[in-house]
């Protein structure tokens, strides 16, 4: 199929490399590899898109076709205010 994006291959990048290239940004990964030693953490994945605006990253994910799994990762530090519970 001419112009089909079904077979698009995205480069695999490690989280360490992504954090260096895109500090304080939201990142979209496909087929992310989970870190077995740390819950809700990833080692890397197929890098698709990064932006400081989370909504742009979500929109990019919504525009993709034929994805099996996707992960959103924030590369900055998440500061939890006092007396606050974060539910995922």
PDB file of N, CA and C in Angstrom:
ATOM      1  N   UNK A   1       0.837  -1.185   0.000  1.00  0.00           N
ATOM      2  CA  UNK A   1       0.000   0.000   0.000  1.00  0.00           C
ATOM      3  C   UNK A   1       0.877   1.242   0.000  1.00  0.00           C
ATOM      4  N   UNK A   2       0.696   2.059  -0.958  1.00  0.00           N
ATOM      5  CA  UNK A   2       1.478   3.273  -1.049  1.00  0.00           C
ATOM      6  C   UNK A   2       1.010   4.274   0.005  1.00  0.00           C
ATOM      7  N   UNK A   3       1.955   4.843   0.750  1.00  0.00           N
ATOM      8  CA  UNK A   3       1.622   5.837   1.760  1.00  0.00           C
ATOM      9  C   UNK A   3       1.093   5.263   3.059  1.00  0.00           C
ATOM     10  N   UNK A   4       1.068   3.955   3.197  1.00  0.00           N
ATOM     11  CA  UNK A   4       0.564   3.335   4.421  1.00  0.00           C
ATOM     12  C   UNK A   4       1.563   3.499   5.557  1.00  0.00           C
ATOM     13  N   UNK A   5       1.038   3.808   6.752  1.00  0.00           N
ATOM     14  CA  UNK A   5       1.899   3.965   7.919  1.00  0.00           C
ATOM     15  C   UNK A   5       1.871   2.727   8.807  1.00  0.00           C
ATOM     16  N   UNK A   6       1.250   1.659   8.335  1.00  0.00           N
ATOM     17  CA  UNK A   6       1.102   0.453   9.148  1.00  0.00           C
ATOM     18  C   UNK A   6       2.450  -0.154   9.515  1.00  0.00           C
ATOM     19  N   UNK A   7       3.416  -0.104   8.608  1.00  0.00           N
ATOM     20  CA  UNK A   7       4.703  -0.745   8.843  1.00  0.00           C
ATOM     21  C   UNK A   7       5.797   0.233   9.240  1.00  0.00           C
ATOM     22  N   UNK A   8       5.431   1.387   9.773  1.00  0.00           N
ATOM     23  CA  UNK A   8       6.419   2.372  10.196  1.00  0.00           C
ATOM     24  C   UNK A   8       7.206   1.797  11.370  1.00  0.00           C
ATOM     25  N   UNK A   9       8.515   1.909  11.284  1.00  0.00           N
ATOM     26  CA  UNK A   9       9.380   1.446  12.373  1.00  0.00           C
ATOM     27  C   UNK A   9       9.935   2.661  13.097  1.00  0.00           C
ATOM     28  N   UNK A  10       9.812   2.657  14.391  1.00  0.00           N
ATOM     29  CA  UNK A  10      10.339   3.740  15.207  1.00  0.00           C
ATOM     30  C   UNK A  10      11.620   3.255  15.875  1.00  0.00           C
ATOM     31  N   UNK A  11      12.585   4.146  16.077  1.00  0.00           N
ATOM     32  CA  UNK A  11      13.854   3.723  16.670  1.00  0.00           C
ATOM     33  C   UNK A  11      13.700   3.378  18.156  1.00  0.00           C
ATOM     34  N   UNK A  12      14.385   2.317  18.580  1.00  0.00           N
ATOM     35  CA  UNK A  12      14.405   1.969  20.004  1.00  0.00           C
ATOM     36  C   UNK A  12      15.371   2.913  20.697  1.00  0.00           C
ATOM     37  N   UNK A  13      14.924   3.482  21.809  1.00  0.00           N
ATOM     38  CA  UNK A  13      15.785   4.341  22.620  1.00  0.00           C
ATOM     39  C   UNK A  13      15.633   3.952  24.073  1.00  0.00           C
ATOM     40  N   UNK A  14      16.720   4.066  24.810  1.00  0.00           N
ATOM     41  CA  UNK A  14      16.662   3.811  26.242  1.00  0.00           C
ATOM     42  C   UNK A  14      16.108   5.046  26.950  1.00  0.00           C
ATOM     43  N   UNK A  15      15.570   4.836  28.139  1.00  0.00           N
ATOM     44  CA  UNK A  15      15.046   5.949  28.929  1.00  0.00           C
ATOM     45  C   UNK A  15      16.155   6.938  29.254  1.00  0.00           C
ATOM     46  N   UNK A  16      17.350   6.453  29.540  1.00  0.00           N
ATOM     47  CA  UNK A  16      18.473   7.355  29.853  1.00  0.00           C
ATOM     48  C   UNK A  16      18.763   8.293  28.688  1.00  0.00           C
ATOM     49  N   UNK A  17      18.764   7.772  27.479  1.00  0.00           N
ATOM     50  CA  UNK A  17      19.026   8.589  26.297  1.00  0.00           C
ATOM     51  C   UNK A  17      17.883   9.582  26.072  1.00  0.00           C
ATOM     52  N   UNK A  18      16.656   9.119  26.259  1.00  0.00           N
ATOM     53  CA  UNK A  18      15.491   9.988  26.071  1.00  0.00           C
ATOM     54  C   UNK A  18      15.517  11.134  27.076  1.00  0.00           C
ATOM     55  N   UNK A  19      15.850  10.833  28.333  1.00  0.00           N
ATOM     56  CA  UNK A  19      15.902  11.882  29.364  1.00  0.00           C
ATOM     57  C   UNK A  19      16.951  12.937  29.041  1.00  0.00           C
ATOM     58  N   UNK A  20      18.069  12.529  28.441  1.00  0.00           N
ATOM     59  CA  UNK A  20      19.108  13.492  28.052  1.00  0.00           C
ATOM     60  C   UNK A  20      18.652  14.363  26.884  1.00  0.00           C
ATOM     61  N   UNK A  21      17.988  13.738  25.907  1.00  0.00           N
ATOM     62  CA  UNK A  21      17.565  14.464  24.712  1.00  0.00           C
ATOM     63  C   UNK A  21      16.317  15.317  24.930  1.00  0.00           C
ATOM     64  N   UNK A  22      15.429  14.874  25.818  1.00  0.00           N
ATOM     65  CA  UNK A  22      14.148  15.550  26.026  1.00  0.00           C
ATOM     66  C   UNK A  22      13.884  15.756  27.519  1.00  0.00           C
ATOM     67  N   UNK A  23      14.633  16.648  28.171  1.00  0.00           N
ATOM     68  CA  UNK A  23      14.409  16.865  29.599  1.00  0.00           C
ATOM     69  C   UNK A  23      13.059  17.541  29.857  1.00  0.00           C
ATOM     70  N   UNK A  24      12.437  17.183  30.960  1.00  0.00           N
ATOM     71  CA  UNK A  24      11.168  17.770  31.388  1.00  0.00           C
ATOM     72  C   UNK A  24      10.104  17.719  30.285  1.00  0.00           C
ATOM     73  N   UNK A  25       9.993  16.579  29.629  1.00  0.00           N
ATOM     74  CA  UNK A  25       9.045  16.415  28.533  1.00  0.00           C
ATOM     75  C   UNK A  25       8.223  15.138  28.716  1.00  0.00           C
ATOM     76  N   UNK A  26       7.093  15.117  28.032  1.00  0.00           N
ATOM     77  CA  UNK A  26       6.276  13.914  27.941  1.00  0.00           C
ATOM     78  C   UNK A  26       6.699  13.162  26.697  1.00  0.00           C
ATOM     79  N   UNK A  27       6.822  11.845  26.819  1.00  0.00           N
ATOM     80  CA  UNK A  27       7.336  11.014  25.734  1.00  0.00           C
ATOM     81  C   UNK A  27       6.343   9.889  25.449  1.00  0.00           C
ATOM     82  N   UNK A  28       6.154   9.604  24.174  1.00  0.00           N
ATOM     83  CA  UNK A  28       5.312   8.486  23.746  1.00  0.00           C
ATOM     84  C   UNK A  28       6.213   7.362  23.256  1.00  0.00           C
ATOM     85  N   UNK A  29       6.083   6.199  23.872  1.00  0.00           N
ATOM     86  CA  UNK A  29       6.833   5.008  23.482  1.00  0.00           C
ATOM     87  C   UNK A  29       5.863   3.920  23.062  1.00  0.00           C
ATOM     88  N   UNK A  30       6.235   3.188  22.039  1.00  0.00           N
ATOM     89  CA  UNK A  30       5.487   1.995  21.660  1.00  0.00           C
ATOM     90  C   UNK A  30       6.282   0.776  22.089  1.00  0.00           C
ATOM     91  N   UNK A  31       5.579  -0.296  22.417  1.00  0.00           N
ATOM     92  CA  UNK A  31       6.206  -1.554  22.833  1.00  0.00           C
ATOM     93  C   UNK A  31       7.291  -1.316  23.878  1.00  0.00           C
ATOM     94  N   UNK A  32       6.945  -0.530  24.888  1.00  0.00           N
ATOM     95  CA  UNK A  32       7.898  -0.177  25.938  1.00  0.00           C
ATOM     96  C   UNK A  32       8.325  -1.408  26.734  1.00  0.00           C
ATOM     97  N   UNK A  33       9.576  -1.426  27.123  1.00  0.00           N
ATOM     98  CA  UNK A  33      10.135  -2.509  27.926  1.00  0.00           C
ATOM     99  C   UNK A  33      10.100  -2.066  29.381  1.00  0.00           C
ATOM    100  N   UNK A  34       9.369  -2.812  30.196  1.00  0.00           N
ATOM    101  CA  UNK A  34       9.243  -2.465  31.618  1.00  0.00           C
ATOM    102  C   UNK A  34      10.495  -2.834  32.392  1.00  0.00           C
ATOM    103  N   UNK A  35      10.751  -2.056  33.430  1.00  0.00           N
ATOM    104  CA  UNK A  35      11.850  -2.333  34.341  1.00  0.00           C
ATOM    105  C   UNK A  35      11.345  -3.324  35.391  1.00  0.00           C
ATOM    106  N   UNK A  36      11.897  -4.542  35.421  1.00  0.00           N
ATOM    107  CA  UNK A  36      11.397  -5.544  36.373  1.00  0.00           C
ATOM    108  C   UNK A  36      11.731  -5.213  37.830  1.00  0.00           C
ATOM    109  N   UNK A  37      12.673  -4.305  38.048  1.00  0.00           N
ATOM    110  CA  UNK A  37      13.092  -3.969  39.407  1.00  0.00           C
ATOM    111  C   UNK A  37      12.324  -2.793  40.001  1.00  0.00           C
ATOM    112  N   UNK A  38      11.571  -2.077  39.162  1.00  0.00           N
ATOM    113  CA  UNK A  38      10.895  -0.875  39.632  1.00  0.00           C
ATOM    114  C   UNK A  38       9.516  -0.777  38.998  1.00  0.00           C
ATOM    115  N   UNK A  39       8.493  -0.734  39.821  1.00  0.00           N
ATOM    116  CA  UNK A  39       7.132  -0.653  39.307  1.00  0.00           C
ATOM    117  C   UNK A  39       6.896   0.660  38.576  1.00  0.00           C
ATOM    118  N   UNK A  40       6.065   0.613  37.560  1.00  0.00           N
ATOM    119  CA  UNK A  40       5.687   1.780  36.766  1.00  0.00           C
ATOM    120  C   UNK A  40       6.902   2.510  36.190  1.00  0.00           C
ATOM    121  N   UNK A  41       7.904   1.733  35.809  1.00  0.00           N
ATOM    122  CA  UNK A  41       9.126   2.290  35.247  1.00  0.00           C
ATOM    123  C   UNK A  41       9.486   1.520  33.980  1.00  0.00           C
ATOM    124  N   UNK A  42      10.114   2.205  33.044  1.00  0.00           N
ATOM    125  CA  UNK A  42      10.466   1.585  31.770  1.00  0.00           C
ATOM    126  C   UNK A  42      11.960   1.709  31.498  1.00  0.00           C
ATOM    127  N   UNK A  43      12.498   0.736  30.781  1.00  0.00           N
ATOM    128  CA  UNK A  43      13.900   0.755  30.382  1.00  0.00           C
ATOM    129  C   UNK A  43      14.074   1.451  29.031  1.00  0.00           C
ATOM    130  N   UNK A  44      13.061   1.393  28.202  1.00  0.00           N
ATOM    131  CA  UNK A  44      13.116   2.001  26.875  1.00  0.00           C
ATOM    132  C   UNK A  44      11.953   1.546  26.041  1.00  0.00           C
ATOM    133  N   UNK A  45      11.995   1.904  24.772  1.00  0.00           N
ATOM    134  CA  UNK A  45      10.938   1.508  23.865  1.00  0.00           C
ATOM    135  C   UNK A  45      11.126   2.164  22.516  1.00  0.00           C
ATOM    136  N   UNK A  46      10.172   1.952  21.644  1.00  0.00           N
ATOM    137  CA  UNK A  46      10.218   2.547  20.315  1.00  0.00           C
ATOM    138  C   UNK A  46       9.767   4.005  20.441  1.00  0.00           C
ATOM    139  N   UNK A  47      10.721   4.909  20.285  1.00  0.00           N
ATOM    140  CA  UNK A  47      10.456   6.337  20.464  1.00  0.00           C
ATOM    141  C   UNK A  47       9.629   6.875  19.305  1.00  0.00           C
ATOM    142  N   UNK A  48       8.504   7.516  19.653  1.00  0.00           N
ATOM    143  CA  UNK A  48       7.619   8.064  18.636  1.00  0.00           C
ATOM    144  C   UNK A  48       7.629   9.591  18.653  1.00  0.00           C
ATOM    145  N   UNK A  49       7.467  10.180  19.851  1.00  0.00           N
ATOM    146  CA  UNK A  49       7.248  11.624  19.912  1.00  0.00           C
ATOM    147  C   UNK A  49       7.533  12.126  21.317  1.00  0.00           C
ATOM    148  N   UNK A  50       7.960  13.397  21.410  1.00  0.00           N
ATOM    149  CA  UNK A  50       8.168  14.029  22.714  1.00  0.00           C
ATOM    150  C   UNK A  50       7.778  15.498  22.622  1.00  0.00           C
ATOM    151  N   UNK A  51       7.198  16.013  23.701  1.00  0.00           N
ATOM    152  CA  UNK A  51       6.829  17.425  23.765  1.00  0.00           C
ATOM    153  C   UNK A  51       6.658  17.806  25.228  1.00  0.00           C
ATOM    154  N   UNK A  52       6.826  19.068  25.517  1.00  0.00           N
ATOM    155  CA  UNK A  52       6.619  19.540  26.890  1.00  0.00           C
ATOM    156  C   UNK A  52       5.126  19.611  27.224  1.00  0.00           C
ATOM    157  N   UNK A  53       4.287  19.662  26.204  1.00  0.00           N
ATOM    158  CA  UNK A  53       2.836  19.707  26.361  1.00  0.00           C
ATOM    159  C   UNK A  53       2.270  18.293  26.270  1.00  0.00           C
ATOM    160  N   UNK A  54       1.755  17.793  27.379  1.00  0.00           N
ATOM    161  CA  UNK A  54       1.244  16.419  27.439  1.00  0.00           C
ATOM    162  C   UNK A  54       0.120  16.179  26.437  1.00  0.00           C
ATOM    163  N   UNK A  55      -0.744  17.168  26.245  1.00  0.00           N
ATOM    164  CA  UNK A  55      -1.871  16.998  25.335  1.00  0.00           C
ATOM    165  C   UNK A  55      -1.412  16.733  23.901  1.00  0.00           C
ATOM    166  N   UNK A  56      -0.322  17.340  23.485  1.00  0.00           N
ATOM    167  CA  UNK A  56       0.203  17.092  22.139  1.00  0.00           C
ATOM    168  C   UNK A  56       0.671  15.648  21.990  1.00  0.00           C
ATOM    169  N   UNK A  57       1.244  15.102  23.054  1.00  0.00           N
ATOM    170  CA  UNK A  57       1.706  13.711  23.028  1.00  0.00           C
ATOM    171  C   UNK A  57       0.506  12.761  22.994  1.00  0.00           C
ATOM    172  N   UNK A  58      -0.516  13.073  23.758  1.00  0.00           N
ATOM    173  CA  UNK A  58      -1.735  12.259  23.748  1.00  0.00           C
ATOM    174  C   UNK A  58      -2.390  12.308  22.365  1.00  0.00           C
ATOM    175  N   UNK A  59      -2.440  13.492  21.762  1.00  0.00           N
ATOM    176  CA  UNK A  59      -3.017  13.623  20.418  1.00  0.00           C
ATOM    177  C   UNK A  59      -2.228  12.815  19.396  1.00  0.00           C
ATOM    178  N   UNK A  60      -0.902  12.820  19.525  1.00  0.00           N
ATOM    179  CA  UNK A  60      -0.069  12.041  18.605  1.00  0.00           C
ATOM    180  C   UNK A  60      -0.401  10.556  18.729  1.00  0.00           C
ATOM    181  N   UNK A  61      -0.549  10.076  19.957  1.00  0.00           N
ATOM    182  CA  UNK A  61      -0.890   8.665  20.178  1.00  0.00           C
ATOM    183  C   UNK A  61      -2.249   8.343  19.563  1.00  0.00           C
ATOM    184  N   UNK A  62      -3.210   9.249  19.734  1.00  0.00           N
ATOM    185  CA  UNK A  62      -4.552   9.024  19.199  1.00  0.00           C
ATOM    186  C   UNK A  62      -4.549   8.978  17.674  1.00  0.00           C
ATOM    187  N   UNK A  63      -3.584   9.643  17.054  1.00  0.00           N
ATOM    188  CA  UNK A  63      -3.538   9.685  15.592  1.00  0.00           C
ATOM    189  C   UNK A  63      -2.896   8.437  14.980  1.00  0.00           C
ATOM    190  N   UNK A  64      -2.233   7.638  15.796  1.00  0.00           N
ATOM    191  CA  UNK A  64      -1.556   6.448  15.286  1.00  0.00           C
ATOM    192  C   UNK A  64      -2.552   5.320  15.037  1.00  0.00           C
ATOM    193  N   UNK A  65      -2.256   4.517  14.048  1.00  0.00           N
ATOM    194  CA  UNK A  65      -3.081   3.357  13.725  1.00  0.00           C
ATOM    195  C   UNK A  65      -2.288   2.093  13.994  1.00  0.00           C
ATOM    196  N   UNK A  66      -2.974   1.043  14.301  1.00  0.00           N
ATOM    197  CA  UNK A  66      -2.372  -0.288  14.442  1.00  0.00           C
ATOM    198  C   UNK A  66      -1.294  -0.357  15.527  1.00  0.00           C
ATOM    199  N   UNK A  67      -1.553   0.241  16.684  1.00  0.00           N
ATOM    200  CA  UNK A  67      -0.572   0.119  17.760  1.00  0.00           C
ATOM    201  C   UNK A  67      -1.020  -0.965  18.730  1.00  0.00           C
ATOM    202  N   UNK A  68      -0.067  -1.711  19.214  1.00  0.00           N
ATOM    203  CA  UNK A  68      -0.354  -2.796  20.149  1.00  0.00           C
ATOM    204  C   UNK A  68      -0.313  -2.288  21.585  1.00  0.00           C
ATOM    205  N   UNK A  69       0.743  -1.561  21.926  1.00  0.00           N
ATOM    206  CA  UNK A  69       0.848  -1.016  23.279  1.00  0.00           C
ATOM    207  C   UNK A  69       1.602   0.309  23.230  1.00  0.00           C
ATOM    208  N   UNK A  70       1.206   1.220  24.117  1.00  0.00           N
ATOM    209  CA  UNK A  70       1.833   2.533  24.178  1.00  0.00           C
ATOM    210  C   UNK A  70       2.058   2.904  25.635  1.00  0.00           C
ATOM    211  N   UNK A  71       3.092   3.698  25.870  1.00  0.00           N
ATOM    212  CA  UNK A  71       3.393   4.178  27.220  1.00  0.00           C
ATOM    213  C   UNK A  71       3.703   5.666  27.140  1.00  0.00           C
ATOM    214  N   UNK A  72       3.235   6.388  28.149  1.00  0.00           N
ATOM    215  CA  UNK A  72       3.556   7.803  28.290  1.00  0.00           C
ATOM    216  C   UNK A  72       4.525   7.928  29.459  1.00  0.00           C
ATOM    217  N   UNK A  73       5.629   8.607  29.219  1.00  0.00           N
ATOM    218  CA  UNK A  73       6.662   8.760  30.246  1.00  0.00           C
ATOM    219  C   UNK A  73       6.973  10.238  30.390  1.00  0.00           C
ATOM    220  N   UNK A  74       7.071  10.707  31.635  1.00  0.00           N
ATOM    221  CA  UNK A  74       7.515  12.085  31.889  1.00  0.00           C
ATOM    222  C   UNK A  74       8.970  12.033  32.302  1.00  0.00           C
ATOM    223  N   UNK A  75       9.810  12.825  31.640  1.00  0.00           N
ATOM    224  CA  UNK A  75      11.248  12.749  31.876  1.00  0.00           C
ATOM    225  C   UNK A  75      11.737  13.699  32.962  1.00  0.00           C
ATOM    226  N   UNK A  76      10.849  14.519  33.483  1.00  0.00           N
ATOM    227  CA  UNK A  76      11.231  15.446  34.549  1.00  0.00           C
ATOM    228  C   UNK A  76      10.940  14.861  35.915  1.00  0.00           C
ATOM    229  N   UNK A  77      11.177  15.661  36.909  1.00  0.00           N
ATOM    230  CA  UNK A  77      10.919  15.240  38.285  1.00  0.00           C
ATOM    231  C   UNK A  77       9.486  15.607  38.656  1.00  0.00           C
ATOM    232  N   UNK A  78       8.777  14.642  39.188  1.00  0.00           N
ATOM    233  CA  UNK A  78       7.414  14.885  39.635  1.00  0.00           C
ATOM    234  C   UNK A  78       7.464  15.199  41.121  1.00  0.00           C
ATOM    235  N   UNK A  79       7.034  16.395  41.446  1.00  0.00           N
ATOM    236  CA  UNK A  79       7.053  16.838  42.837  1.00  0.00           C
ATOM    237  C   UNK A  79       5.674  16.648  43.427  1.00  0.00           C
ATOM    238  N   UNK A  80       5.615  15.870  44.496  1.00  0.00           N
ATOM    239  CA  UNK A  80       4.345  15.615  45.166  1.00  0.00           C
ATOM    240  C   UNK A  80       4.151  16.641  46.292  1.00  0.00           C
ATOM    241  N   UNK A  81       3.107  17.461  46.200  1.00  0.00           N
ATOM    242  CA  UNK A  81       2.856  18.409  47.274  1.00  0.00           C
ATOM    243  C   UNK A  81       2.566  17.682  48.592  1.00  0.00           C
ATOM    244  N   UNK A  82       2.859  18.320  49.707  1.00  0.00           N
ATOM    245  CA  UNK A  82       2.604  17.715  51.012  1.00  0.00           C
ATOM    246  C   UNK A  82       1.129  17.414  51.172  1.00  0.00           C
ATOM    247  N   UNK A  83       0.835  16.366  51.920  1.00  0.00           N
ATOM    248  CA  UNK A  83      -0.528  15.948  52.225  1.00  0.00           C
ATOM    249  C   UNK A  83      -1.342  15.637  50.960  1.00  0.00           C
ATOM    250  N   UNK A  84      -0.671  15.068  49.962  1.00  0.00           N
ATOM    251  CA  UNK A  84      -1.332  14.716  48.715  1.00  0.00           C
ATOM    252  C   UNK A  84      -1.095  13.258  48.382  1.00  0.00           C
ATOM    253  N   UNK A  85      -2.124  12.597  47.910  1.00  0.00           N
ATOM    254  CA  UNK A  85      -2.002  11.202  47.469  1.00  0.00           C
ATOM    255  C   UNK A  85      -2.135  11.195  45.953  1.00  0.00           C
ATOM    256  N   UNK A  86      -1.223  10.509  45.290  1.00  0.00           N
ATOM    257  CA  UNK A  86      -1.273  10.395  43.841  1.00  0.00           C
ATOM    258  C   UNK A  86      -1.798   9.018  43.479  1.00  0.00           C
ATOM    259  N   UNK A  87      -2.921   8.971  42.754  1.00  0.00           N
ATOM    260  CA  UNK A  87      -3.508   7.713  42.314  1.00  0.00           C
ATOM    261  C   UNK A  87      -3.258   7.542  40.831  1.00  0.00           C
ATOM    262  N   UNK A  88      -2.820   6.353  40.446  1.00  0.00           N
ATOM    263  CA  UNK A  88      -2.593   6.095  39.026  1.00  0.00           C
ATOM    264  C   UNK A  88      -3.628   5.133  38.494  1.00  0.00           C
TER     265      UNK A  88
END
